[in-house]
């Protein structure tokens, strides 16, 4: 059986938003694991999910199948077309920015 390994202090990666509700006991353990490893909660959740996905052999077989590639390509195209904003909405606002705040999952 493989082991989950968290590198201490390595948590700066590009992210996509995923909203989910989890049991409070799991959330508490994730927060504790984040403190112990000196990482952000987002990083710990990503590593846990990456580890779990790698352990699922049937999913790994599906992931490399032609059907999965076609589904992934179709969903990527849909996401790209819906995320384009008009130039007027993309203009920067003249509000002061706040610094030093971090968000946790």
N, C-alpha and C. Protein backbone atom coordinates (compact mmCIF):
# COMPACT_ATOMS: atom_id res chain seq x y z
N UNK A 1 0.84 -1.19 0.00
CA UNK A 1 0.00 0.00 0.00
C UNK A 1 0.88 1.24 0.00
N UNK A 2 0.52 2.24 -0.76
CA UNK A 2 1.27 3.48 -0.84
C UNK A 2 1.02 4.34 0.39
N UNK A 3 1.92 5.30 0.59
CA UNK A 3 1.76 6.23 1.70
C UNK A 3 1.57 7.63 1.15
N UNK A 4 0.77 8.42 1.84
CA UNK A 4 0.60 9.83 1.50
C UNK A 4 1.78 10.58 2.08
N UNK A 5 2.43 11.40 1.26
CA UNK A 5 3.55 12.21 1.72
C UNK A 5 3.24 13.66 1.46
N UNK A 6 3.30 14.48 2.50
CA UNK A 6 3.12 15.92 2.36
C UNK A 6 4.47 16.59 2.58
N UNK A 7 4.85 17.44 1.63
CA UNK A 7 6.08 18.19 1.80
C UNK A 7 5.76 19.40 2.67
N UNK A 8 6.62 19.68 3.62
CA UNK A 8 6.40 20.80 4.52
C UNK A 8 6.62 22.13 3.80
N UNK A 9 5.65 23.03 3.94
CA UNK A 9 5.78 24.38 3.41
C UNK A 9 5.64 24.53 1.91
N UNK A 10 5.07 23.55 1.20
CA UNK A 10 4.93 23.63 -0.26
C UNK A 10 3.45 23.70 -0.58
N UNK A 11 2.94 24.90 -0.80
CA UNK A 11 1.50 24.98 -1.05
C UNK A 11 1.09 26.06 -2.03
N UNK A 12 1.98 26.54 -2.83
CA UNK A 12 1.65 27.58 -3.80
C UNK A 12 1.48 26.97 -5.18
N UNK A 13 0.22 26.70 -5.57
CA UNK A 13 -0.06 26.11 -6.88
C UNK A 13 -1.28 26.79 -7.48
N UNK A 14 -1.44 26.66 -8.80
CA UNK A 14 -2.61 27.19 -9.49
C UNK A 14 -3.82 26.36 -9.09
N UNK A 15 -4.97 27.00 -8.86
CA UNK A 15 -6.14 26.30 -8.36
C UNK A 15 -7.39 26.59 -9.18
N UNK A 16 -8.32 25.64 -9.13
CA UNK A 16 -9.66 25.80 -9.68
C UNK A 16 -10.63 25.68 -8.51
N UNK A 17 -11.67 26.47 -8.49
CA UNK A 17 -12.62 26.47 -7.39
C UNK A 17 -13.50 25.22 -7.45
N UNK A 18 -13.62 24.55 -6.33
CA UNK A 18 -14.48 23.39 -6.17
C UNK A 18 -15.17 23.52 -4.83
N UNK A 19 -16.48 23.62 -4.84
CA UNK A 19 -17.22 23.75 -3.59
C UNK A 19 -17.81 22.40 -3.22
N UNK A 20 -17.62 22.05 -1.95
CA UNK A 20 -18.10 20.77 -1.46
C UNK A 20 -18.31 20.86 0.03
N UNK A 21 -19.23 20.08 0.55
CA UNK A 21 -19.44 20.00 1.99
C UNK A 21 -18.87 18.68 2.48
N UNK A 22 -18.12 18.74 3.57
CA UNK A 22 -17.53 17.54 4.14
C UNK A 22 -17.90 17.45 5.61
N UNK A 23 -17.76 16.26 6.16
CA UNK A 23 -18.04 16.06 7.58
C UNK A 23 -17.13 16.93 8.43
N UNK A 24 -17.65 17.45 9.54
CA UNK A 24 -16.86 18.33 10.40
C UNK A 24 -15.63 17.63 10.95
N UNK A 25 -15.74 16.35 11.28
CA UNK A 25 -14.58 15.64 11.81
C UNK A 25 -13.44 15.55 10.78
N UNK A 26 -13.81 15.40 9.51
CA UNK A 26 -12.80 15.37 8.45
C UNK A 26 -12.18 16.75 8.28
N UNK A 27 -13.01 17.79 8.32
CA UNK A 27 -12.52 19.16 8.20
C UNK A 27 -11.54 19.48 9.34
N UNK A 28 -11.86 19.02 10.55
CA UNK A 28 -10.96 19.23 11.69
C UNK A 28 -9.63 18.53 11.48
N UNK A 29 -9.68 17.29 10.97
CA UNK A 29 -8.44 16.55 10.71
C UNK A 29 -7.61 17.22 9.62
N UNK A 30 -8.28 17.73 8.59
CA UNK A 30 -7.56 18.41 7.51
C UNK A 30 -6.89 19.68 8.03
N UNK A 31 -7.59 20.44 8.86
CA UNK A 31 -6.99 21.63 9.46
C UNK A 31 -5.77 21.27 10.32
N UNK A 32 -5.90 20.20 11.09
CA UNK A 32 -4.79 19.75 11.93
C UNK A 32 -3.61 19.29 11.08
N UNK A 33 -3.90 18.57 10.01
CA UNK A 33 -2.85 18.11 9.08
C UNK A 33 -2.16 19.31 8.42
N UNK A 34 -2.93 20.33 8.09
CA UNK A 34 -2.36 21.54 7.50
C UNK A 34 -1.43 22.24 8.49
N UNK A 35 -1.84 22.32 9.75
CA UNK A 35 -0.98 22.92 10.78
C UNK A 35 0.30 22.11 10.94
N UNK A 36 0.15 20.80 11.04
CA UNK A 36 1.29 19.91 11.26
C UNK A 36 2.30 20.00 10.12
N UNK A 37 1.80 20.08 8.88
CA UNK A 37 2.69 20.09 7.71
C UNK A 37 3.12 21.50 7.30
N UNK A 38 2.62 22.51 7.99
CA UNK A 38 2.93 23.90 7.68
C UNK A 38 2.55 24.24 6.24
N UNK A 39 1.32 23.85 5.86
CA UNK A 39 0.79 24.11 4.53
C UNK A 39 -0.62 24.68 4.63
N UNK A 40 -1.06 25.26 3.52
CA UNK A 40 -2.43 25.75 3.46
C UNK A 40 -3.39 24.57 3.37
N UNK A 41 -4.60 24.77 3.86
CA UNK A 41 -5.62 23.73 3.81
C UNK A 41 -5.88 23.28 2.38
N UNK A 42 -5.90 24.22 1.44
CA UNK A 42 -6.13 23.88 0.04
C UNK A 42 -5.11 22.88 -0.47
N UNK A 43 -3.86 23.07 -0.11
CA UNK A 43 -2.80 22.16 -0.54
C UNK A 43 -3.03 20.76 0.03
N UNK A 44 -3.38 20.68 1.30
CA UNK A 44 -3.60 19.39 1.94
C UNK A 44 -4.76 18.66 1.27
N UNK A 45 -5.86 19.37 1.01
CA UNK A 45 -7.01 18.75 0.34
C UNK A 45 -6.61 18.25 -1.04
N UNK A 46 -5.85 19.06 -1.79
CA UNK A 46 -5.39 18.64 -3.12
C UNK A 46 -4.55 17.38 -3.04
N UNK A 47 -3.63 17.32 -2.10
CA UNK A 47 -2.76 16.15 -1.98
C UNK A 47 -3.56 14.91 -1.56
N UNK A 48 -4.52 15.08 -0.67
CA UNK A 48 -5.36 13.95 -0.27
C UNK A 48 -6.17 13.42 -1.44
N UNK A 49 -6.75 14.32 -2.22
CA UNK A 49 -7.52 13.91 -3.38
C UNK A 49 -6.63 13.27 -4.45
N UNK A 50 -5.46 13.86 -4.68
CA UNK A 50 -4.52 13.30 -5.65
C UNK A 50 -4.10 11.88 -5.24
N UNK A 51 -3.84 11.69 -3.95
CA UNK A 51 -3.46 10.39 -3.43
C UNK A 51 -4.60 9.38 -3.61
N UNK A 52 -5.81 9.77 -3.25
CA UNK A 52 -6.96 8.87 -3.37
C UNK A 52 -7.22 8.49 -4.82
N UNK A 53 -7.14 9.45 -5.73
CA UNK A 53 -7.36 9.16 -7.15
C UNK A 53 -6.30 8.22 -7.70
N UNK A 54 -5.06 8.39 -7.26
CA UNK A 54 -3.99 7.53 -7.74
C UNK A 54 -4.16 6.09 -7.26
N UNK A 55 -4.82 5.91 -6.11
CA UNK A 55 -5.02 4.57 -5.55
C UNK A 55 -6.15 3.81 -6.23
N UNK A 56 -7.03 4.50 -6.91
CA UNK A 56 -8.20 3.86 -7.53
C UNK A 56 -7.82 3.34 -8.91
N UNK A 57 -7.51 2.05 -9.00
CA UNK A 57 -7.02 1.47 -10.25
C UNK A 57 -8.04 1.53 -11.38
N UNK A 58 -9.30 1.26 -11.09
CA UNK A 58 -10.33 1.30 -12.13
C UNK A 58 -10.46 2.70 -12.71
N UNK A 59 -10.37 3.72 -11.85
CA UNK A 59 -10.44 5.09 -12.35
C UNK A 59 -9.23 5.41 -13.22
N UNK A 60 -8.05 4.96 -12.82
CA UNK A 60 -6.84 5.23 -13.60
C UNK A 60 -6.94 4.60 -14.99
N UNK A 61 -7.54 3.42 -15.08
CA UNK A 61 -7.76 2.78 -16.38
C UNK A 61 -8.75 3.60 -17.22
N UNK A 62 -9.82 4.07 -16.57
CA UNK A 62 -10.81 4.88 -17.28
C UNK A 62 -10.19 6.20 -17.75
N UNK A 63 -9.35 6.78 -16.91
CA UNK A 63 -8.74 8.08 -17.21
C UNK A 63 -7.95 8.06 -18.52
N UNK A 64 -7.31 6.95 -18.82
CA UNK A 64 -6.51 6.86 -20.04
C UNK A 64 -7.31 6.31 -21.22
N UNK A 65 -8.58 5.99 -21.00
CA UNK A 65 -9.41 5.44 -22.07
C UNK A 65 -9.86 6.54 -23.03
N UNK A 66 -10.17 6.16 -24.28
CA UNK A 66 -10.66 7.14 -25.27
C UNK A 66 -11.96 7.82 -24.81
N UNK A 67 -12.84 7.11 -24.13
CA UNK A 67 -14.11 7.70 -23.68
C UNK A 67 -13.86 8.83 -22.69
N UNK A 68 -12.93 8.64 -21.78
CA UNK A 68 -12.62 9.68 -20.80
C UNK A 68 -12.01 10.90 -21.47
N UNK A 69 -11.15 10.68 -22.46
CA UNK A 69 -10.52 11.80 -23.16
C UNK A 69 -11.55 12.61 -23.93
N UNK A 70 -12.53 11.96 -24.53
CA UNK A 70 -13.58 12.66 -25.27
C UNK A 70 -14.46 13.47 -24.31
N UNK A 71 -14.80 12.90 -23.18
CA UNK A 71 -15.61 13.60 -22.18
C UNK A 71 -14.86 14.81 -21.64
N UNK A 72 -13.57 14.62 -21.33
CA UNK A 72 -12.76 15.72 -20.80
C UNK A 72 -12.62 16.85 -21.81
N UNK A 73 -12.42 16.52 -23.06
CA UNK A 73 -12.28 17.53 -24.11
C UNK A 73 -13.57 18.34 -24.26
N UNK A 74 -14.71 17.67 -24.21
CA UNK A 74 -16.00 18.35 -24.34
C UNK A 74 -16.25 19.28 -23.15
N UNK A 75 -15.94 18.84 -21.95
CA UNK A 75 -16.17 19.68 -20.77
C UNK A 75 -15.20 20.85 -20.73
N UNK A 76 -13.96 20.67 -21.18
CA UNK A 76 -12.99 21.76 -21.23
C UNK A 76 -13.43 22.84 -22.20
N UNK A 77 -13.96 22.45 -23.35
CA UNK A 77 -14.44 23.40 -24.35
C UNK A 77 -15.60 24.21 -23.78
N UNK A 78 -16.51 23.55 -23.09
CA UNK A 78 -17.66 24.23 -22.50
C UNK A 78 -17.22 25.22 -21.43
N UNK A 79 -16.27 24.85 -20.58
CA UNK A 79 -15.78 25.75 -19.54
C UNK A 79 -15.10 26.97 -20.13
N UNK A 80 -14.32 26.79 -21.18
CA UNK A 80 -13.62 27.91 -21.80
C UNK A 80 -14.59 28.90 -22.41
N UNK A 81 -15.64 28.43 -23.04
CA UNK A 81 -16.57 29.34 -23.70
C UNK A 81 -17.44 30.09 -22.71
N UNK A 82 -17.68 29.55 -21.53
CA UNK A 82 -18.52 30.24 -20.55
C UNK A 82 -17.73 31.18 -19.66
N UNK A 83 -16.40 31.09 -19.67
CA UNK A 83 -15.62 31.93 -18.77
C UNK A 83 -15.14 33.23 -19.42
N UNK A 84 -15.50 33.50 -20.66
CA UNK A 84 -15.10 34.72 -21.35
C UNK A 84 -16.01 35.85 -20.91
N UNK A 85 -15.39 36.98 -20.48
CA UNK A 85 -16.16 38.13 -20.01
C UNK A 85 -16.00 39.28 -20.99
N UNK A 86 -17.03 40.11 -21.14
CA UNK A 86 -16.89 41.30 -21.97
C UNK A 86 -15.83 42.24 -21.41
N UNK A 87 -15.22 43.05 -22.27
CA UNK A 87 -14.15 43.95 -21.86
C UNK A 87 -14.61 44.94 -20.80
N UNK A 88 -15.86 45.35 -20.83
CA UNK A 88 -16.37 46.33 -19.85
C UNK A 88 -16.33 45.74 -18.45
N UNK A 89 -16.74 44.49 -18.28
CA UNK A 89 -16.72 43.85 -16.97
C UNK A 89 -15.30 43.58 -16.48
N UNK A 90 -14.36 43.41 -17.38
CA UNK A 90 -13.00 43.07 -17.00
C UNK A 90 -12.18 44.30 -16.61
N UNK A 91 -12.72 45.51 -16.76
CA UNK A 91 -11.99 46.72 -16.41
C UNK A 91 -11.74 46.76 -14.91
N UNK A 92 -10.53 47.17 -14.48
CA UNK A 92 -10.21 47.22 -13.06
C UNK A 92 -11.04 48.27 -12.34
N UNK A 93 -11.41 47.98 -11.11
CA UNK A 93 -12.17 48.92 -10.29
C UNK A 93 -11.20 49.77 -9.48
N UNK A 94 -11.63 50.95 -9.09
CA UNK A 94 -10.75 51.86 -8.37
C UNK A 94 -10.90 51.74 -6.87
N UNK A 95 -11.18 50.54 -6.37
CA UNK A 95 -11.28 50.31 -4.93
C UNK A 95 -9.90 49.93 -4.39
N UNK A 96 -9.60 50.34 -3.14
CA UNK A 96 -8.31 49.94 -2.57
C UNK A 96 -8.29 48.43 -2.35
N UNK A 97 -7.15 47.82 -2.60
CA UNK A 97 -7.05 46.38 -2.42
C UNK A 97 -6.61 46.07 -1.01
N UNK A 98 -7.11 44.96 -0.49
CA UNK A 98 -6.69 44.51 0.83
C UNK A 98 -5.58 43.50 0.65
N UNK A 99 -4.60 43.52 1.54
CA UNK A 99 -3.49 42.58 1.45
C UNK A 99 -3.40 41.76 2.71
N UNK A 100 -2.79 40.61 2.58
CA UNK A 100 -2.54 39.78 3.75
C UNK A 100 -3.65 38.83 4.11
N UNK A 101 -4.75 38.81 3.40
CA UNK A 101 -5.82 37.89 3.74
C UNK A 101 -5.69 36.62 2.92
N UNK A 102 -6.01 35.49 3.55
CA UNK A 102 -5.95 34.22 2.84
C UNK A 102 -7.27 33.51 3.02
N UNK A 103 -7.66 32.72 2.04
CA UNK A 103 -8.89 31.97 2.11
C UNK A 103 -8.57 30.51 2.36
N UNK A 104 -9.40 29.84 3.14
CA UNK A 104 -9.24 28.42 3.42
C UNK A 104 -10.44 27.68 2.91
N UNK A 105 -10.23 26.42 2.51
CA UNK A 105 -11.33 25.59 1.98
C UNK A 105 -12.24 25.16 3.09
